[in-house]
């Protein structure tokens, strides 16, 4: 019975020490090379894509991220047609 109690106390002590040594440690979306892989939404088709894989375009002085060149060109064409109205 004493061995069971010692094992439980040792485990509790281990957890306390582990929490003190590495507080706030959490899983994030870092890739193996340390780059944060943020998910962003394509403003045209509303698809979520990783920021590092997105097609970046500056439209009317504002930066946008798209899932493909096709979505980027359709978005730009739609903005141009809205401005002509």
N, C-alpha and C. Protein backbone atom coordinates (compact mmCIF):
# COMPACT_ATOMS: atom_id res chain seq x y z
N UNK A 1 0.82 -1.20 0.00
CA UNK A 1 0.00 0.00 0.00
C UNK A 1 0.87 1.26 0.00
N UNK A 2 1.96 1.21 0.74
CA UNK A 2 2.86 2.37 0.79
C UNK A 2 3.44 2.68 -0.59
N UNK A 3 3.74 1.66 -1.36
CA UNK A 3 4.33 1.86 -2.68
C UNK A 3 3.34 2.60 -3.58
N UNK A 4 2.08 2.27 -3.52
CA UNK A 4 1.07 2.94 -4.34
C UNK A 4 1.00 4.41 -3.97
N UNK A 5 1.03 4.70 -2.68
CA UNK A 5 0.99 6.10 -2.22
C UNK A 5 2.23 6.85 -2.69
N UNK A 6 3.41 6.21 -2.59
CA UNK A 6 4.64 6.86 -3.05
C UNK A 6 4.63 7.13 -4.56
N UNK A 7 4.08 6.20 -5.30
CA UNK A 7 3.99 6.37 -6.76
C UNK A 7 3.06 7.54 -7.09
N UNK A 8 1.93 7.62 -6.41
CA UNK A 8 0.99 8.72 -6.65
C UNK A 8 1.62 10.05 -6.27
N UNK A 9 2.28 10.12 -5.13
CA UNK A 9 2.95 11.35 -4.71
C UNK A 9 4.07 11.75 -5.67
N UNK A 10 4.81 10.77 -6.16
CA UNK A 10 5.88 11.05 -7.12
C UNK A 10 5.30 11.61 -8.41
N UNK A 11 4.18 11.06 -8.85
CA UNK A 11 3.55 11.56 -10.08
C UNK A 11 3.05 13.00 -9.89
N UNK A 12 2.42 13.27 -8.77
CA UNK A 12 1.94 14.63 -8.48
C UNK A 12 3.11 15.60 -8.43
N UNK A 13 4.20 15.22 -7.78
CA UNK A 13 5.40 16.07 -7.71
C UNK A 13 5.96 16.31 -9.11
N UNK A 14 5.99 15.27 -9.92
CA UNK A 14 6.46 15.40 -11.30
C UNK A 14 5.63 16.43 -12.08
N UNK A 15 4.30 16.35 -11.96
CA UNK A 15 3.41 17.28 -12.67
C UNK A 15 3.61 18.71 -12.19
N UNK A 16 3.80 18.90 -10.88
CA UNK A 16 4.00 20.24 -10.33
C UNK A 16 5.31 20.82 -10.85
N UNK A 17 6.37 20.03 -10.81
CA UNK A 17 7.67 20.51 -11.29
C UNK A 17 7.62 20.80 -12.79
N UNK A 18 6.97 19.96 -13.53
CA UNK A 18 6.85 20.17 -14.99
C UNK A 18 6.09 21.46 -15.28
N UNK A 19 5.03 21.75 -14.52
CA UNK A 19 4.27 22.98 -14.71
C UNK A 19 5.06 24.23 -14.37
N UNK A 20 5.94 24.14 -13.39
CA UNK A 20 6.75 25.29 -12.99
C UNK A 20 7.87 25.54 -13.98
N UNK A 21 8.48 24.47 -14.47
CA UNK A 21 9.62 24.59 -15.38
C UNK A 21 9.19 25.14 -16.74
N UNK A 22 8.06 24.72 -17.25
CA UNK A 22 7.61 25.18 -18.58
C UNK A 22 6.19 25.72 -18.51
N UNK A 23 5.98 26.86 -17.82
CA UNK A 23 4.62 27.42 -17.76
C UNK A 23 4.22 28.05 -19.08
N UNK A 24 2.95 27.98 -19.38
CA UNK A 24 2.42 28.63 -20.58
C UNK A 24 2.81 27.95 -21.87
N UNK A 25 3.40 26.81 -21.78
CA UNK A 25 3.76 26.09 -23.01
C UNK A 25 2.49 25.61 -23.68
N UNK A 26 2.37 25.90 -24.96
CA UNK A 26 1.17 25.51 -25.67
C UNK A 26 1.50 25.09 -27.09
N UNK A 27 0.58 24.43 -27.70
CA UNK A 27 0.74 24.02 -29.09
C UNK A 27 0.26 25.18 -29.96
N UNK A 28 1.05 25.59 -30.91
CA UNK A 28 0.64 26.64 -31.83
C UNK A 28 0.73 26.14 -33.25
N UNK A 29 0.53 27.04 -34.22
CA UNK A 29 0.57 26.58 -35.60
C UNK A 29 1.90 26.84 -36.27
N UNK A 30 2.98 26.66 -35.55
CA UNK A 30 4.29 26.83 -36.17
C UNK A 30 4.63 25.59 -36.98
N UNK A 31 5.23 25.84 -38.11
CA UNK A 31 5.68 24.72 -38.94
C UNK A 31 7.05 24.29 -38.46
N UNK A 32 7.61 23.29 -39.07
CA UNK A 32 8.90 22.76 -38.64
C UNK A 32 10.02 23.79 -38.79
N UNK A 33 9.86 24.76 -39.69
CA UNK A 33 10.89 25.78 -39.85
C UNK A 33 10.64 27.00 -38.98
N UNK A 34 9.64 26.96 -38.08
CA UNK A 34 9.40 28.03 -37.13
C UNK A 34 8.50 29.14 -37.63
N UNK A 35 7.99 29.04 -38.84
CA UNK A 35 7.14 30.07 -39.41
C UNK A 35 5.69 29.81 -38.98
N UNK A 36 5.01 30.85 -38.53
CA UNK A 36 3.62 30.70 -38.15
C UNK A 36 2.78 30.60 -39.42
N UNK A 37 1.94 29.59 -39.47
CA UNK A 37 1.13 29.34 -40.66
C UNK A 37 -0.30 29.79 -40.37
N UNK A 38 -0.56 31.07 -40.55
CA UNK A 38 -1.86 31.66 -40.25
C UNK A 38 -2.84 31.36 -41.38
N UNK A 39 -4.07 31.03 -41.02
CA UNK A 39 -5.12 30.79 -42.01
C UNK A 39 -5.82 32.12 -42.30
N UNK A 40 -5.96 32.43 -43.58
CA UNK A 40 -6.63 33.67 -43.99
C UNK A 40 -7.73 33.33 -44.98
N UNK A 41 -8.69 34.25 -45.10
CA UNK A 41 -9.84 34.00 -45.98
C UNK A 41 -9.68 34.78 -47.27
N UNK A 42 -9.89 34.09 -48.37
CA UNK A 42 -9.89 34.71 -49.69
C UNK A 42 -11.13 35.62 -49.75
N UNK A 43 -10.95 36.92 -50.09
CA UNK A 43 -12.10 37.83 -50.10
C UNK A 43 -13.08 37.57 -51.25
N UNK A 44 -12.66 36.83 -52.26
CA UNK A 44 -13.54 36.56 -53.40
C UNK A 44 -14.37 35.30 -53.19
N UNK A 45 -13.71 34.16 -52.97
CA UNK A 45 -14.43 32.89 -52.87
C UNK A 45 -14.66 32.43 -51.43
N UNK A 46 -14.13 33.18 -50.47
CA UNK A 46 -14.31 32.92 -49.03
C UNK A 46 -13.66 31.61 -48.55
N UNK A 47 -12.71 31.07 -49.31
CA UNK A 47 -11.99 29.87 -48.92
C UNK A 47 -10.87 30.25 -47.96
N UNK A 48 -10.63 29.43 -46.93
CA UNK A 48 -9.51 29.66 -46.02
C UNK A 48 -8.28 28.93 -46.54
N UNK A 49 -7.16 29.64 -46.54
CA UNK A 49 -5.91 29.09 -47.04
C UNK A 49 -4.77 29.51 -46.11
N UNK A 50 -3.67 28.75 -46.08
CA UNK A 50 -2.50 29.18 -45.31
C UNK A 50 -1.91 30.45 -45.93
N UNK A 51 -1.54 31.40 -45.09
CA UNK A 51 -1.02 32.68 -45.58
C UNK A 51 0.20 32.49 -46.47
N UNK A 52 1.05 31.54 -46.12
CA UNK A 52 2.29 31.38 -46.91
C UNK A 52 2.02 30.83 -48.31
N UNK A 53 0.84 30.19 -48.53
CA UNK A 53 0.51 29.66 -49.84
C UNK A 53 -0.36 30.60 -50.67
N UNK A 54 -0.77 31.71 -50.08
CA UNK A 54 -1.71 32.62 -50.74
C UNK A 54 -1.03 33.48 -51.80
N UNK A 55 -1.84 33.91 -52.76
CA UNK A 55 -1.40 34.84 -53.80
C UNK A 55 -1.68 36.24 -53.24
N UNK A 56 -0.63 37.03 -53.11
CA UNK A 56 -0.75 38.36 -52.51
C UNK A 56 -0.89 39.42 -53.60
N UNK A 57 -1.90 40.25 -53.47
CA UNK A 57 -2.13 41.34 -54.42
C UNK A 57 -2.46 42.62 -53.66
N UNK A 58 -2.02 43.74 -54.20
CA UNK A 58 -2.39 45.04 -53.66
C UNK A 58 -3.41 45.65 -54.61
N UNK A 59 -4.62 45.88 -54.08
CA UNK A 59 -5.71 46.42 -54.88
C UNK A 59 -6.16 47.72 -54.23
N UNK A 60 -6.09 48.81 -54.96
CA UNK A 60 -6.49 50.13 -54.47
C UNK A 60 -5.76 50.48 -53.18
N UNK A 61 -4.47 50.13 -53.11
CA UNK A 61 -3.67 50.46 -51.95
C UNK A 61 -3.85 49.55 -50.74
N UNK A 62 -4.69 48.53 -50.86
CA UNK A 62 -4.92 47.60 -49.76
C UNK A 62 -4.43 46.21 -50.14
N UNK A 63 -3.79 45.53 -49.20
CA UNK A 63 -3.23 44.21 -49.45
C UNK A 63 -4.29 43.13 -49.24
N UNK A 64 -4.41 42.23 -50.23
CA UNK A 64 -5.36 41.11 -50.16
C UNK A 64 -4.61 39.81 -50.43
N UNK A 65 -5.16 38.72 -49.91
CA UNK A 65 -4.58 37.39 -50.12
C UNK A 65 -5.64 36.50 -50.76
N UNK A 66 -5.24 35.79 -51.83
CA UNK A 66 -6.17 34.97 -52.60
C UNK A 66 -5.68 33.53 -52.67
N UNK A 67 -6.63 32.63 -52.94
CA UNK A 67 -6.27 31.21 -53.05
C UNK A 67 -5.63 30.91 -54.40
N UNK A 68 -5.91 31.74 -55.41
CA UNK A 68 -5.35 31.51 -56.75
C UNK A 68 -5.31 32.81 -57.54
N UNK A 69 -4.59 32.78 -58.63
CA UNK A 69 -4.53 33.94 -59.53
C UNK A 69 -5.91 34.22 -60.12
N UNK A 70 -6.66 33.16 -60.38
CA UNK A 70 -8.01 33.30 -60.94
C UNK A 70 -8.91 34.10 -60.01
N UNK A 71 -8.92 33.76 -58.72
CA UNK A 71 -9.73 34.51 -57.75
C UNK A 71 -9.26 35.96 -57.66
N UNK A 72 -7.95 36.17 -57.73
CA UNK A 72 -7.42 37.53 -57.65
C UNK A 72 -7.89 38.37 -58.83
N UNK A 73 -7.84 37.81 -60.03
CA UNK A 73 -8.25 38.57 -61.22
C UNK A 73 -9.77 38.80 -61.22
N UNK A 74 -10.55 37.82 -60.76
CA UNK A 74 -11.99 38.02 -60.68
C UNK A 74 -12.35 39.08 -59.63
N UNK A 75 -11.63 39.10 -58.53
CA UNK A 75 -11.86 40.10 -57.49
C UNK A 75 -11.56 41.50 -58.02
N UNK A 76 -10.42 41.64 -58.71
CA UNK A 76 -10.05 42.93 -59.29
C UNK A 76 -11.07 43.38 -60.34
N UNK A 77 -11.53 42.45 -61.17
CA UNK A 77 -12.53 42.79 -62.20
C UNK A 77 -13.83 43.22 -61.55
N UNK A 78 -14.23 42.56 -60.49
CA UNK A 78 -15.45 42.94 -59.78
C UNK A 78 -15.34 44.31 -59.14
N UNK A 79 -14.18 44.64 -58.60
CA UNK A 79 -13.98 45.97 -58.00
C UNK A 79 -14.01 47.06 -59.06
N UNK A 80 -13.41 46.75 -60.23
CA UNK A 80 -13.41 47.74 -61.31
C UNK A 80 -14.83 48.02 -61.82
N UNK A 81 -15.63 46.96 -61.93
CA UNK A 81 -17.01 47.15 -62.41
C UNK A 81 -17.84 47.91 -61.37
N UNK A 82 -17.56 47.72 -60.08
CA UNK A 82 -18.28 48.47 -59.04
C UNK A 82 -17.91 49.94 -59.08
N UNK A 83 -16.63 50.25 -59.39
CA UNK A 83 -16.18 51.63 -59.42
C UNK A 83 -16.76 52.37 -60.64
N UNK A 84 -17.05 51.66 -61.72
CA UNK A 84 -17.60 52.30 -62.92
C UNK A 84 -19.05 52.68 -62.74
N UNK A 85 -19.75 52.05 -61.80
CA UNK A 85 -21.16 52.35 -61.59
C UNK A 85 -21.38 53.67 -60.93
